[in-house]
Protein backbone atom coordinates (compact mmCIF):
# COMPACT_ATOMS: atom_id res chain seq x y z
CA UNK A 1 -85.56 10.95 -43.45
CA UNK A 2 -87.41 12.51 -46.38
CA UNK A 3 -86.89 11.21 -49.92
CA UNK A 4 -84.94 14.24 -51.16
CA UNK A 5 -82.75 14.29 -48.07
CA UNK A 6 -82.06 10.58 -48.48
CA UNK A 7 -81.05 11.08 -52.11
CA UNK A 8 -78.71 13.92 -51.13
CA UNK A 9 -77.14 11.82 -48.37
CA UNK A 10 -76.61 8.99 -50.89
CA UNK A 11 -75.03 11.46 -53.33
CA UNK A 12 -72.64 12.71 -50.64
CA UNK A 13 -71.84 9.11 -49.74
CA UNK A 14 -70.86 8.40 -53.34
CA UNK A 15 -68.64 11.48 -53.35
CA UNK A 16 -66.82 10.11 -50.32
CA UNK A 17 -65.63 6.95 -52.07
CA UNK A 18 -61.87 6.62 -51.72
CA UNK A 19 -61.59 8.57 -48.46
CA UNK A 20 -60.58 6.99 -45.16
CA UNK A 21 -63.87 5.72 -43.77
CA UNK A 22 -65.14 5.71 -40.22
CA UNK A 23 -67.30 2.78 -39.22
CA UNK A 24 -70.50 3.14 -37.15
CA UNK A 25 -68.90 1.97 -33.90
CA UNK A 26 -67.22 3.87 -31.10
CA UNK A 27 -63.74 2.44 -31.66
CA UNK A 28 -63.75 3.84 -35.17
CA UNK A 29 -65.61 7.07 -34.38
CA UNK A 30 -63.29 7.86 -31.46
CA UNK A 31 -60.21 7.33 -33.61
CA UNK A 32 -60.95 10.45 -35.65
CA UNK A 33 -58.48 13.25 -34.89
CA UNK A 34 -60.08 16.40 -33.52
CA UNK A 35 -59.91 19.18 -36.14
CA UNK A 36 -57.09 21.52 -35.16
CA UNK A 37 -59.14 24.72 -35.26
CA UNK A 38 -61.14 23.75 -32.17
CA UNK A 39 -58.17 23.45 -29.84
CA UNK A 40 -56.74 26.69 -31.19
CA UNK A 41 -60.01 28.60 -30.70
CA UNK A 42 -60.22 28.18 -26.89
CA UNK A 43 -63.30 30.38 -26.37
CA UNK A 44 -66.89 30.17 -27.60
CA UNK A 45 -70.31 31.61 -26.80
CA UNK A 46 -73.34 29.43 -25.95
CA UNK A 47 -76.84 30.82 -26.63
CA UNK A 48 -79.92 29.37 -24.89
CA UNK A 49 -82.98 30.80 -26.64
CA UNK A 50 -86.45 29.36 -27.13
CA UNK A 51 -90.04 29.39 -25.90
CA UNK A 52 -88.69 29.18 -22.33
CA UNK A 53 -87.43 32.74 -22.91
CA UNK A 54 -91.06 33.94 -22.72
CA UNK A 55 -91.89 33.09 -19.11
CA UNK A 56 -88.16 33.70 -18.38
CA UNK A 57 -88.70 32.47 -14.86
CA UNK A 58 -86.59 30.02 -12.89
CA UNK A 59 -84.92 28.05 -15.65
CA UNK A 60 -84.96 26.99 -19.29
CA UNK A 61 -86.44 23.78 -17.82
CA UNK A 62 -89.58 25.78 -17.00
CA UNK A 63 -92.02 23.42 -18.74
CA UNK A 64 -90.65 20.33 -17.01
CA UNK A 65 -90.49 21.95 -13.59
CA UNK A 66 -94.02 23.29 -13.99
CA UNK A 67 -95.86 20.31 -15.47
CA UNK A 68 -93.37 17.46 -15.34
CA UNK A 69 -92.41 17.75 -11.68
CA UNK A 70 -95.10 20.20 -10.42
CA UNK A 71 -92.52 22.20 -8.50
CA UNK A 72 -94.19 24.73 -6.21
CA UNK A 73 -92.47 27.96 -7.37
CA UNK A 74 -93.43 27.26 -10.99
CA UNK A 75 -96.99 26.15 -10.21
CA UNK A 76 -97.50 29.23 -8.04
CA UNK A 77 -96.05 31.50 -10.73
CA UNK A 78 -98.52 30.20 -13.31
CA UNK A 79 -101.51 30.31 -10.97
CA UNK A 80 -100.79 33.92 -10.03
CA UNK A 81 -100.11 35.22 -13.52
CA UNK A 82 -102.01 33.11 -16.07
CA UNK A 83 -105.55 31.74 -16.46
CA UNK A 84 -106.20 28.10 -15.44
CA UNK A 85 -106.52 26.85 -19.02
CA UNK A 86 -103.18 28.34 -20.12
CA UNK A 87 -100.83 25.76 -21.65
CA UNK A 88 -97.09 25.92 -22.26
CA UNK A 89 -97.78 25.96 -26.00
CA UNK A 90 -99.56 29.28 -25.49
CA UNK A 91 -96.20 30.89 -24.77
CA UNK A 92 -95.02 30.21 -28.33
CA UNK A 93 -96.90 33.10 -30.04
CA UNK A 94 -95.28 35.41 -27.48
CA UNK A 95 -91.81 34.32 -28.59
CA UNK A 96 -91.74 37.27 -30.96
CA UNK A 97 -88.06 38.15 -31.58
CA UNK A 98 -89.06 41.60 -32.88
CA UNK A 99 -85.78 43.15 -31.69
CA UNK A 100 -83.60 40.28 -32.89
CA UNK A 101 -80.85 41.48 -35.21
CA UNK A 102 -78.36 38.74 -36.11
CA UNK A 103 -75.81 41.28 -37.35
CA UNK A 104 -75.95 43.13 -34.05
CA UNK A 105 -75.52 39.86 -32.15
CA UNK A 106 -72.55 38.98 -34.33
CA UNK A 107 -70.87 42.33 -33.63
CA UNK A 108 -71.22 41.69 -29.89
CA UNK A 109 -69.89 38.14 -30.23
CA UNK A 110 -66.94 39.31 -32.30
CA UNK A 111 -66.13 41.98 -29.73
CA UNK A 112 -65.94 39.28 -27.03
CA UNK A 113 -62.99 37.54 -28.65
CA UNK A 114 -64.95 34.30 -29.03
CA UNK A 115 -64.07 32.12 -32.02
CA UNK A 116 -67.18 29.94 -32.25
CA UNK A 117 -70.87 30.36 -31.43
CA UNK A 118 -73.22 27.54 -30.39
CA UNK A 119 -76.95 28.30 -30.80
CA UNK A 120 -79.71 26.14 -29.32
CA UNK A 121 -81.71 25.06 -32.35
CA UNK A 122 -84.00 22.92 -30.18
CA UNK A 123 -84.04 22.43 -26.43
CA UNK A 124 -85.85 19.65 -24.55
CA UNK A 125 -89.16 21.48 -25.11
CA UNK A 126 -88.98 20.44 -28.79
CA UNK A 127 -89.53 23.90 -30.29
CA UNK A 128 -87.17 24.36 -33.25
CA UNK A 129 -85.66 27.72 -34.22
CA UNK A 130 -85.97 26.83 -37.88
CA UNK A 131 -88.90 25.63 -39.94
CA UNK A 132 -88.37 21.94 -39.29
CA UNK A 133 -90.61 19.71 -41.37
CA UNK A 134 -90.60 17.31 -38.45
CA UNK A 135 -91.86 19.85 -35.92
CA UNK A 136 -95.07 21.06 -37.55
CA UNK A 137 -96.54 24.17 -35.89
CA UNK A 138 -93.94 23.95 -33.12
CA UNK A 139 -91.19 25.94 -34.78
CA UNK A 140 -90.19 29.58 -35.24
CA UNK A 141 -91.39 29.76 -38.86
CA UNK A 142 -94.92 28.50 -38.21
CA UNK A 143 -95.49 30.33 -34.92
CA UNK A 144 -93.98 33.22 -32.98
CA UNK A 145 -91.36 35.14 -34.98
CA UNK A 146 -92.38 33.52 -38.30
CA UNK A 147 -88.64 33.54 -39.14
CA UNK A 148 -85.85 31.04 -39.62
CA UNK A 149 -83.72 32.18 -36.69
CA UNK A 150 -81.02 29.56 -37.27
CA UNK A 151 -80.52 30.76 -40.84
CA UNK A 152 -80.28 34.39 -39.73
CA UNK A 153 -77.61 33.57 -37.14
CA UNK A 154 -75.73 31.29 -39.54
CA UNK A 155 -75.73 33.88 -42.33
CA UNK A 156 -74.53 36.68 -40.04
CA UNK A 157 -71.71 34.54 -38.63
CA UNK A 158 -70.56 33.46 -42.08
CA UNK A 159 -70.23 37.10 -43.07
CA UNK A 160 -67.70 37.40 -40.25
CA UNK A 161 -64.64 35.32 -41.10
CA UNK A 162 -63.41 34.96 -37.50
CA UNK A 163 -66.53 33.23 -36.15
CA UNK A 164 -67.54 29.61 -36.66
CA UNK A 165 -71.09 28.29 -36.43
CA UNK A 166 -72.07 25.66 -33.87
CA UNK A 167 -75.55 24.23 -33.37
CA UNK A 168 -76.94 22.69 -30.19
CA UNK A 169 -79.66 20.05 -30.57
CA UNK A 170 -81.47 18.07 -27.90
CA UNK A 171 -81.89 14.39 -28.76
CA UNK A 172 -85.04 13.95 -26.68
CA UNK A 173 -88.17 15.99 -25.91
CA UNK A 174 -89.89 15.87 -22.52
CA UNK A 175 -93.48 15.52 -23.66
CA UNK A 176 -93.28 14.22 -27.21
CA UNK A 177 -95.71 11.26 -27.32
CA UNK A 178 -93.45 9.22 -29.61
CA UNK A 179 -90.53 9.56 -27.22
CA UNK A 180 -92.74 8.71 -24.25
CA UNK A 181 -94.01 5.63 -26.11
CA UNK A 182 -90.45 4.48 -26.80
CA UNK A 183 -89.51 5.12 -23.17
CA UNK A 184 -92.51 3.08 -21.99
CA UNK A 185 -91.23 0.28 -24.24
CA UNK A 186 -87.82 0.55 -22.52
CA UNK A 187 -86.43 1.84 -25.83
CA UNK A 188 -87.01 -1.44 -27.65
CA UNK A 189 -88.85 0.68 -30.24
CA UNK A 190 -87.34 3.70 -31.95
CA UNK A 191 -90.26 5.65 -33.37
CA UNK A 192 -88.99 8.97 -32.03
CA UNK A 193 -85.36 9.00 -33.28
CA UNK A 194 -86.27 7.71 -36.74
CA UNK A 195 -89.09 10.19 -37.31
CA UNK A 196 -87.85 13.21 -35.35
CA UNK A 197 -84.31 13.37 -33.96
CA UNK A 198 -82.29 11.90 -36.82
CA UNK A 199 -84.14 13.72 -39.63
CA UNK A 200 -83.61 16.98 -37.72
CA UNK A 201 -79.88 16.33 -37.27
CA UNK A 202 -79.38 15.54 -40.96
CA UNK A 203 -81.40 18.60 -41.92
CA UNK A 204 -79.38 20.91 -39.65
CA UNK A 205 -76.08 19.69 -41.05
CA UNK A 206 -77.12 19.73 -44.69
CA UNK A 207 -78.87 23.10 -44.53
CA UNK A 208 -76.66 25.14 -42.19
CA UNK A 209 -73.29 23.32 -42.28
CA UNK A 210 -72.29 23.84 -38.63
CA UNK A 211 -68.71 23.21 -37.56
CA UNK A 212 -69.79 22.20 -34.05
CA UNK A 213 -72.65 19.75 -33.50
CA UNK A 214 -73.44 20.06 -29.79
CA UNK A 215 -75.68 17.15 -28.83
CA UNK A 216 -77.53 17.05 -25.51
CA UNK A 217 -80.36 15.40 -23.63
CA UNK A 218 -80.25 11.63 -24.15
CA UNK A 219 -83.46 11.03 -22.19
CA UNK A 220 -81.76 8.12 -20.39
CA UNK A 221 -81.71 6.20 -23.66
CA UNK A 222 -78.63 4.35 -24.96
CA UNK A 223 -76.68 5.49 -28.01
CA UNK A 224 -77.95 2.50 -30.01
CA UNK A 225 -81.49 3.83 -29.62
CA UNK A 226 -80.37 7.15 -31.09
CA UNK A 227 -78.20 5.45 -33.76
CA UNK A 228 -75.53 7.92 -32.70
CA UNK A 229 -72.60 6.07 -34.26
CA UNK A 230 -74.50 5.76 -37.54
CA UNK A 231 -75.11 9.49 -37.67
CA UNK A 232 -71.55 10.33 -36.63
CA UNK A 233 -70.09 7.98 -39.25
CA UNK A 234 -72.08 9.84 -41.90
CA UNK A 235 -71.09 13.20 -40.40
CA UNK A 236 -67.37 12.32 -40.48
CA UNK A 237 -67.42 10.49 -43.82
CA UNK A 238 -69.88 12.15 -46.13
CA UNK A 239 -71.37 15.36 -44.72
CA UNK A 240 -70.50 18.76 -46.19
CA UNK A 241 -68.54 19.57 -43.00
CA UNK A 242 -66.77 16.21 -42.66
CA UNK A 243 -63.27 17.73 -42.52
CA UNK A 244 -63.89 20.51 -40.01
CA UNK A 245 -66.87 19.49 -37.86
CA UNK A 246 -66.39 18.92 -34.13
CA UNK A 247 -68.75 16.97 -31.87
CA UNK A 248 -69.14 16.57 -28.13
CA UNK A 249 -69.80 13.52 -25.94
CA UNK A 250 -73.56 13.57 -25.28
CA UNK A 251 -74.86 10.83 -27.59
CA UNK A 252 -76.63 8.45 -25.21
CA UNK A 253 -76.29 7.02 -21.72
CA UNK A 254 -72.70 6.09 -20.94
CA UNK A 255 -71.21 8.29 -23.66
CA UNK A 256 -70.49 11.43 -21.67
CA UNK A 257 -66.81 11.82 -20.81
CA UNK A 258 -66.17 8.56 -22.72
CA UNK A 259 -67.06 8.88 -26.41
CA UNK A 260 -67.14 11.74 -28.91
CA UNK A 261 -64.91 14.41 -30.35
CA UNK A 262 -64.35 16.29 -27.09
CA UNK A 263 -65.61 15.76 -23.55
CA UNK A 264 -67.97 17.96 -21.55
CA UNK A 265 -68.39 15.48 -18.66
CA UNK A 266 -70.77 17.74 -16.67
CA UNK A 267 -72.09 21.26 -16.98
CA UNK A 268 -69.66 23.80 -15.53
CA UNK A 269 -66.88 21.21 -15.73
CA UNK A 270 -63.59 22.41 -14.27
CA UNK A 271 -61.24 19.52 -13.36
CA UNK A 272 -58.42 21.80 -12.19
CA UNK A 273 -55.78 19.62 -13.80
CA UNK A 274 -54.68 18.52 -17.27
CA UNK A 275 -56.77 15.85 -19.00
CA UNK A 276 -55.52 13.45 -21.67
CA UNK A 277 -58.55 14.10 -23.88
CA UNK A 278 -59.71 17.45 -25.24
CA UNK A 279 -62.54 18.89 -23.16
CA UNK A 280 -64.85 21.88 -22.90
CA UNK A 281 -66.14 23.80 -19.90
CA UNK A 282 -69.69 24.83 -20.78
CA UNK A 283 -70.87 27.31 -18.16
CA UNK A 284 -73.22 30.23 -17.87
CA UNK A 285 -72.84 33.86 -16.79
CA UNK A 286 -76.12 33.61 -14.84
CA UNK A 287 -75.15 30.96 -12.30
CA UNK A 288 -78.75 29.82 -11.75
CA UNK A 289 -80.03 29.44 -15.32
CA UNK A 290 -78.99 28.98 -18.94
CA UNK A 291 -82.06 30.78 -20.26
CA UNK A 292 -82.86 34.43 -19.56
CA UNK A 293 -84.51 35.17 -16.18
CA UNK A 294 -86.39 38.42 -15.70
CA UNK A 295 -86.11 38.13 -11.92
CA UNK A 296 -82.38 37.34 -11.67
CA UNK A 297 -80.58 39.50 -9.08
CA UNK A 298 -77.18 40.98 -9.86
CA UNK A 299 -75.55 38.62 -7.35
CA UNK A 300 -76.42 35.65 -9.58
CA UNK A 301 -74.24 36.95 -12.43
CA UNK A 302 -70.54 36.14 -12.49
CA UNK A 303 -68.22 39.13 -12.43
CA UNK A 304 -65.71 39.73 -15.22
CA UNK A 305 -62.93 38.83 -12.76
CA UNK A 306 -64.58 35.45 -12.20
CA UNK A 307 -65.10 34.90 -15.93
CA UNK A 308 -61.50 35.74 -16.83
CA UNK A 309 -60.29 33.43 -14.06
CA UNK A 310 -62.51 30.65 -15.43
CA UNK A 311 -61.15 31.13 -18.95
CA UNK A 312 -57.54 31.13 -17.74
CA UNK A 313 -57.90 28.01 -15.59
CA UNK A 314 -59.80 26.19 -18.35
CA UNK A 315 -57.22 26.91 -21.05
CA UNK A 316 -54.31 26.17 -18.71
CA UNK A 317 -55.76 22.69 -18.13
CA UNK A 318 -56.22 22.04 -21.86
CA UNK A 319 -59.90 22.91 -22.21
CA UNK A 320 -62.09 25.30 -24.18
CA UNK A 321 -64.53 27.66 -22.48
CA UNK A 322 -68.10 27.83 -23.81
CA UNK A 323 -69.71 30.77 -21.99
CA UNK A 324 -73.48 30.99 -22.08
CA UNK A 325 -75.91 33.89 -22.40
CA UNK A 326 -79.71 33.85 -22.56
CA UNK A 327 -81.41 36.34 -24.90
CA UNK A 328 -84.91 37.69 -24.21
CA UNK A 329 -88.10 36.52 -25.94
CA UNK A 330 -87.96 39.62 -28.15
CA UNK A 331 -84.40 38.97 -29.25
CA UNK A 332 -82.27 41.25 -27.09
CA UNK A 333 -78.94 40.51 -25.45
CA UNK A 334 -79.49 42.39 -22.21
CA UNK A 335 -76.85 44.92 -21.11
CA UNK A 336 -75.25 42.81 -18.38
CA UNK A 337 -74.53 39.99 -20.84
CA UNK A 338 -73.29 42.45 -23.45
CA UNK A 339 -71.06 44.13 -20.89
CA UNK A 340 -69.51 40.82 -19.80
CA UNK A 341 -68.88 39.81 -23.43
CA UNK A 342 -67.27 43.12 -24.34
CA UNK A 343 -65.17 43.08 -21.16
CA UNK A 344 -63.88 39.62 -22.04
CA UNK A 345 -62.93 40.98 -25.45
CA UNK A 346 -61.07 43.90 -23.88
CA UNK A 347 -59.02 41.46 -21.82
CA UNK A 348 -58.31 39.18 -24.79
CA UNK A 349 -57.14 42.10 -26.94
CA UNK A 350 -54.22 42.46 -24.53
CA UNK A 351 -53.75 38.87 -23.37
CA UNK A 352 -55.05 36.78 -26.27
CA UNK A 353 -51.54 35.63 -27.12
CA UNK A 354 -51.55 33.62 -23.89
CA UNK A 355 -54.90 31.99 -24.79
CA UNK A 356 -55.36 31.40 -28.53
CA UNK A 357 -53.21 28.77 -30.28
CA UNK A 358 -51.59 27.73 -27.01
CA UNK A 359 -51.26 24.34 -25.37
CA UNK A 360 -51.07 23.21 -21.79
CA UNK A 361 -47.58 23.47 -20.32
CA UNK A 362 -45.91 20.79 -18.17
CA UNK A 363 -47.21 22.67 -15.10
CA UNK A 364 -50.69 24.17 -14.99
CA UNK A 365 -50.53 26.05 -11.69
CA UNK A 366 -47.62 27.51 -9.74
CA UNK A 367 -46.79 25.94 -6.41
CA UNK A 368 -45.26 29.05 -4.86
CA UNK A 369 -47.81 31.68 -5.88
CA UNK A 370 -51.59 31.30 -5.62
CA UNK A 371 -53.83 32.17 -8.54
CA UNK A 372 -51.06 31.89 -11.13
CA UNK A 373 -51.69 29.67 -14.17
CA UNK A 374 -49.47 28.71 -17.09
CA UNK A 375 -50.02 28.26 -20.83
CA UNK A 376 -47.45 27.47 -23.51
CA UNK A 377 -46.82 28.28 -27.15
CA UNK A 378 -44.48 25.47 -28.29
CA UNK A 379 -43.84 26.84 -31.78
CA UNK A 380 -42.22 29.90 -30.18
CA UNK A 381 -40.99 28.17 -27.01
CA UNK A 382 -42.84 30.82 -25.04
CA UNK A 383 -44.26 30.30 -21.56
CA UNK A 384 -47.10 32.48 -20.32
CA UNK A 385 -47.73 32.98 -16.60
CA UNK A 386 -51.11 34.58 -15.94
CA UNK A 387 -51.61 36.36 -12.61
CA UNK A 388 -55.23 36.49 -11.48
CA UNK A 389 -54.28 38.88 -8.67
CA UNK A 390 -51.72 41.69 -8.74
CA UNK A 391 -49.24 41.10 -5.89
CA UNK A 392 -48.96 43.74 -3.15
CA UNK A 393 -45.27 43.24 -2.50
CA UNK A 394 -43.95 44.50 -5.84
CA UNK A 395 -42.68 41.14 -7.04
CA UNK A 396 -43.96 37.67 -7.85
CA UNK A 397 -42.28 34.27 -7.58
CA UNK A 398 -42.60 31.75 -10.40
CA UNK A 399 -41.33 28.45 -9.04
CA UNK A 400 -41.90 26.25 -12.09
CA UNK A 401 -39.82 27.70 -14.99
CA UNK A 402 -36.20 26.70 -15.46
CA UNK A 403 -34.34 29.93 -16.26
CA UNK A 404 -30.86 31.05 -17.31
CA UNK A 405 -29.42 34.47 -16.52
CA UNK A 406 -28.54 36.39 -19.65
CA UNK A 407 -30.88 34.21 -21.73
CA UNK A 408 -34.32 34.25 -20.11
CA UNK A 409 -36.38 37.36 -20.75
CA UNK A 410 -39.61 38.39 -19.01
CA UNK A 411 -42.20 40.79 -20.35
CA UNK A 412 -45.41 42.13 -18.83
CA UNK A 413 -47.72 41.81 -21.82
CA UNK A 414 -49.02 45.20 -22.84
CA UNK A 415 -46.31 47.04 -20.89
CA UNK A 416 -42.73 45.92 -21.59
CA UNK A 417 -39.65 44.10 -20.28
CA UNK A 418 -39.21 43.38 -16.59
CA UNK A 419 -36.22 42.61 -14.41
CA UNK A 420 -35.91 39.29 -12.63
CA UNK A 421 -33.58 37.38 -10.33
CA UNK A 422 -33.17 33.67 -9.59
CA UNK A 423 -35.36 32.24 -6.85
CA UNK A 424 -34.42 29.50 -4.40
CA UNK A 425 -34.60 26.57 -4.72
CA UNK A 426 -35.79 27.10 -8.31
CA UNK A 427 -37.60 29.48 -10.59
CA UNK A 428 -37.39 33.26 -10.57
CA UNK A 429 -38.58 36.37 -8.79
CA UNK A 430 -40.01 38.93 -11.19
CA UNK A 431 -39.88 42.58 -10.18
CA UNK A 432 -43.19 44.22 -11.04
CA UNK A 433 -43.45 47.86 -12.12
CA UNK A 434 -45.14 50.46 -9.95
CA UNK A 435 -48.07 51.42 -12.18
CA UNK A 436 -51.10 53.58 -11.60
CA UNK A 437 -54.50 52.17 -12.46
CA UNK A 438 -54.49 53.95 -15.81
CA UNK A 439 -51.01 52.66 -16.64
CA UNK A 440 -51.95 49.01 -16.14
CA UNK A 441 -52.12 47.10 -19.44
CA UNK A 442 -55.51 45.67 -18.43
CA UNK A 443 -57.84 45.68 -15.45
CA UNK A 444 -58.43 42.09 -14.36
CA UNK A 445 -55.58 39.62 -14.89
CA UNK A 446 -52.02 40.11 -16.09
CA UNK A 447 -49.74 38.04 -18.27
CA UNK A 448 -46.00 37.52 -17.93
CA UNK A 449 -44.36 36.30 -21.14
CA UNK A 450 -41.21 34.22 -20.67
CA UNK A 451 -38.75 33.45 -23.46
CA UNK A 452 -35.50 31.56 -23.08
CA UNK A 453 -36.98 29.44 -20.28
CA UNK A 454 -38.20 25.87 -20.05
């Protein structure tokens, strides 16, 4: 850590005297309550953007697949399209971002109904989207856009009160010689985290004040190598975001799904049942890649019906959905991503009451009707039943709620009150209105709001 940064950290530490302190061990770190805003938010947008957006072929792991594993499709792609002496670093000047407009991005994100945004500040390639002092000539200020892209995103989001800033940061870097030296020493040395990873993490927090720190890529190294608990103790005790910041579970081997603020467990995690610990489903609209792919066919993109279903199932089981897009090297969010985001926002404008500020109910899925998921708003004693498919028979059976005639009321959100009758052996049959396509409150999934039921 630089001298000035160290002084500032010490100053913040002194300010924290008298507060409840978290110790640099997992028992203490894991005892911190998750800030309430995160569970209420339910839905965020992930952004994978970097030098890998230039070749935009195969995956954001392009460099590793090309030169780390020598995978045939990547080797052939380079041989056919680039001269023999071309290096991965030569892509960086082509990462131009000339069409990048953070305000335009923010308008699209806001229209999606997302409540937090997580930007990749550095992927495993090591290229930073800000002018990191610890990534000389391998950052977006020294080469490529010649701009602090993290600052532009952060500033635009802060101008929009409904969106919170999250920053993704990879702990390791595939080809960094210091990391490779530490790995060769079986991580008995820690040259890389002390000179690269940790200074970057402190700098990101102090400069941009993110409310999500999304760690990734442990490089098969233990958390002690990364000094993860030391950093997290500072983050929770003394950082400028100590009261609101949320962290995930990717802080070293053995940490995932075990330690951290909330669990991610695996990419595209969807347990299908309620978990005791808060979790997040990070997934991507392009099912084959997190970064942008120029050659992606339409069939590789999830439909809005699939995305809404994923959101509903995730929230019903107590999770948050972090839905990924990959911008282009020149800074565009391509139309198919924009369309999916705006469609999600259209659905949430009608059905957001069943998503935001809800909790998991005692039942997540109905036993009598397929593709029907529940959420609950305890402060209003309101149960939401979300139908992923509109029934053909003109009624739907909800077997889980306990209802009372003359007390229980059912409403089709966006339409109005509905009639119902008791079902046997339990629950209720709801009579659905005969609506034309234009009369439907929304196009993809429909919410029944139950009051006076349990």
